[in-house]
Amino acid sequence: MTEYILIIPDMMCEHCAKRIRDAIESSVGTVKSLDLETKKVIVSTPLSASELVAVISDAGYEAEVM
């Protein structure tokens, strides 16, 4: 498992956070931390960074790996 820190600029509310969390957790990942204020999500997953960004993109959000 690899841990990634993501910035998701369009994550504005609890509904956004739930959609992102559900997308990550349905693709063999674990959300370790999610902060709406900083728009930062920490994820543990066997996926590559590009695969993880694609999962979030499929949920309707842009993500940047830090």
C-alpha atoms as a PDB file:
ATOM      1  CA  MET A   1       0.000   0.000   0.000  1.00  0.00           C
ATOM      2  CA  THR A   2       1.188   3.493  -0.856  1.00  0.00           C
ATOM      3  CA  GLU A   3       0.089   6.639   0.918  1.00  0.00           C
ATOM      4  CA  TYR A   4      -0.735   9.688  -1.198  1.00  0.00           C
ATOM      5  CA  ILE A   5      -1.592  13.251  -0.250  1.00  0.00           C
ATOM      6  CA  LEU A   6      -4.056  14.799  -2.669  1.00  0.00           C
ATOM      7  CA  ILE A   7      -5.365  18.310  -3.116  1.00  0.00           C
ATOM      8  CA  ILE A   8      -8.900  18.409  -4.514  1.00  0.00           C
ATOM      9  CA  PRO A   9      -9.737  22.083  -5.193  1.00  0.00           C
ATOM     10  CA  ASP A  10     -13.408  21.460  -6.075  1.00  0.00           C
ATOM     11  CA  MET A  11     -14.164  19.642  -2.788  1.00  0.00           C
ATOM     12  CA  MET A  12     -16.468  22.207  -1.163  1.00  0.00           C
ATOM     13  CA  CYS A  13     -18.944  20.422   1.108  1.00  0.00           C
ATOM     14  CA  GLU A  14     -19.810  17.204   2.940  1.00  0.00           C
ATOM     15  CA  HIS A  15     -21.590  15.904  -0.168  1.00  0.00           C
ATOM     16  CA  CYS A  16     -18.369  16.339  -2.190  1.00  0.00           C
ATOM     17  CA  ALA A  17     -16.378  14.665   0.569  1.00  0.00           C
ATOM     18  CA  LYS A  18     -18.763  11.684   0.628  1.00  0.00           C
ATOM     19  CA  ARG A  19     -18.596  11.225  -3.154  1.00  0.00           C
ATOM     20  CA  ILE A  20     -14.797  11.333  -3.079  1.00  0.00           C
ATOM     21  CA  ARG A  21     -14.556   8.992  -0.074  1.00  0.00           C
ATOM     22  CA  ASP A  22     -16.988   6.519  -1.690  1.00  0.00           C
ATOM     23  CA  ALA A  23     -15.074   6.576  -4.995  1.00  0.00           C
ATOM     24  CA  ILE A  24     -11.739   5.931  -3.288  1.00  0.00           C
ATOM     25  CA  GLU A  25     -13.032   3.230  -0.966  1.00  0.00           C
ATOM     26  CA  SER A  26     -14.845   1.420  -3.789  1.00  0.00           C
ATOM     27  CA  SER A  27     -11.538   1.182  -5.700  1.00  0.00           C
ATOM     28  CA  VAL A  28      -9.460  -0.604  -3.031  1.00  0.00           C
ATOM     29  CA  GLY A  29      -8.328   2.463  -1.155  1.00  0.00           C
ATOM     30  CA  THR A  30      -8.667   3.803   2.361  1.00  0.00           C
ATOM     31  CA  VAL A  31      -9.214   7.472   3.179  1.00  0.00           C
ATOM     32  CA  LYS A  32      -6.986   8.105   6.187  1.00  0.00           C
ATOM     33  CA  SER A  33      -7.817  11.815   6.457  1.00  0.00           C
ATOM     34  CA  LEU A  34     -10.084  14.255   4.659  1.00  0.00           C
ATOM     35  CA  ASP A  35     -10.078  17.997   5.413  1.00  0.00           C
ATOM     36  CA  LEU A  36     -12.627  20.207   3.662  1.00  0.00           C
ATOM     37  CA  GLU A  37     -10.939  23.422   4.806  1.00  0.00           C
ATOM     38  CA  THR A  38      -7.532  22.628   3.266  1.00  0.00           C
ATOM     39  CA  LYS A  39      -9.056  20.424   0.535  1.00  0.00           C
ATOM     40  CA  LYS A  40      -6.467  17.773   1.429  1.00  0.00           C
ATOM     41  CA  VAL A  41      -7.112  14.033   1.363  1.00  0.00           C
ATOM     42  CA  ILE A  42      -4.662  11.382   2.555  1.00  0.00           C
ATOM     43  CA  VAL A  43      -5.221   8.000   0.923  1.00  0.00           C
ATOM     44  CA  SER A  44      -3.658   4.588   1.394  1.00  0.00           C
ATOM     45  CA  THR A  45      -4.046   2.406  -1.720  1.00  0.00           C
ATOM     46  CA  PRO A  46      -2.298  -0.149  -3.927  1.00  0.00           C
ATOM     47  CA  LEU A  47      -3.233   1.988  -6.964  1.00  0.00           C
ATOM     48  CA  SER A  48      -0.678   4.152  -8.745  1.00  0.00           C
ATOM     49  CA  ALA A  49      -0.952   7.931  -8.450  1.00  0.00           C
ATOM     50  CA  SER A  50      -2.372   8.210 -11.974  1.00  0.00           C
ATOM     51  CA  GLU A  51      -4.943   5.472 -11.291  1.00  0.00           C
ATOM     52  CA  LEU A  52      -6.011   7.242  -8.098  1.00  0.00           C
ATOM     53  CA  VAL A  53      -6.389  10.570  -9.916  1.00  0.00           C
ATOM     54  CA  ALA A  54      -8.484   8.772 -12.564  1.00  0.00           C
ATOM     55  CA  VAL A  55     -10.796   7.347  -9.866  1.00  0.00           C
ATOM     56  CA  ILE A  56     -11.358  10.846  -8.484  1.00  0.00           C
ATOM     57  CA  SER A  57     -11.829  12.237 -11.992  1.00  0.00           C
ATOM     58  CA  ASP A  58     -14.495   9.593 -12.657  1.00  0.00           C
ATOM     59  CA  ALA A  59     -16.290  10.883  -9.540  1.00  0.00           C
ATOM     60  CA  GLY A  60     -16.330  14.369 -11.099  1.00  0.00           C
ATOM     61  CA  TYR A  61     -13.403  16.061  -9.356  1.00  0.00           C
ATOM     62  CA  GLU A  62      -9.886  17.125 -10.273  1.00  0.00           C
ATOM     63  CA  ALA A  63      -7.064  16.027  -7.986  1.00  0.00           C
ATOM     64  CA  GLU A  64      -3.387  16.865  -7.688  1.00  0.00           C
ATOM     65  CA  VAL A  65      -0.929  14.517  -5.997  1.00  0.00           C
ATOM     66  CA  MET A  66       1.468  16.343  -3.718  1.00  0.00           C
END
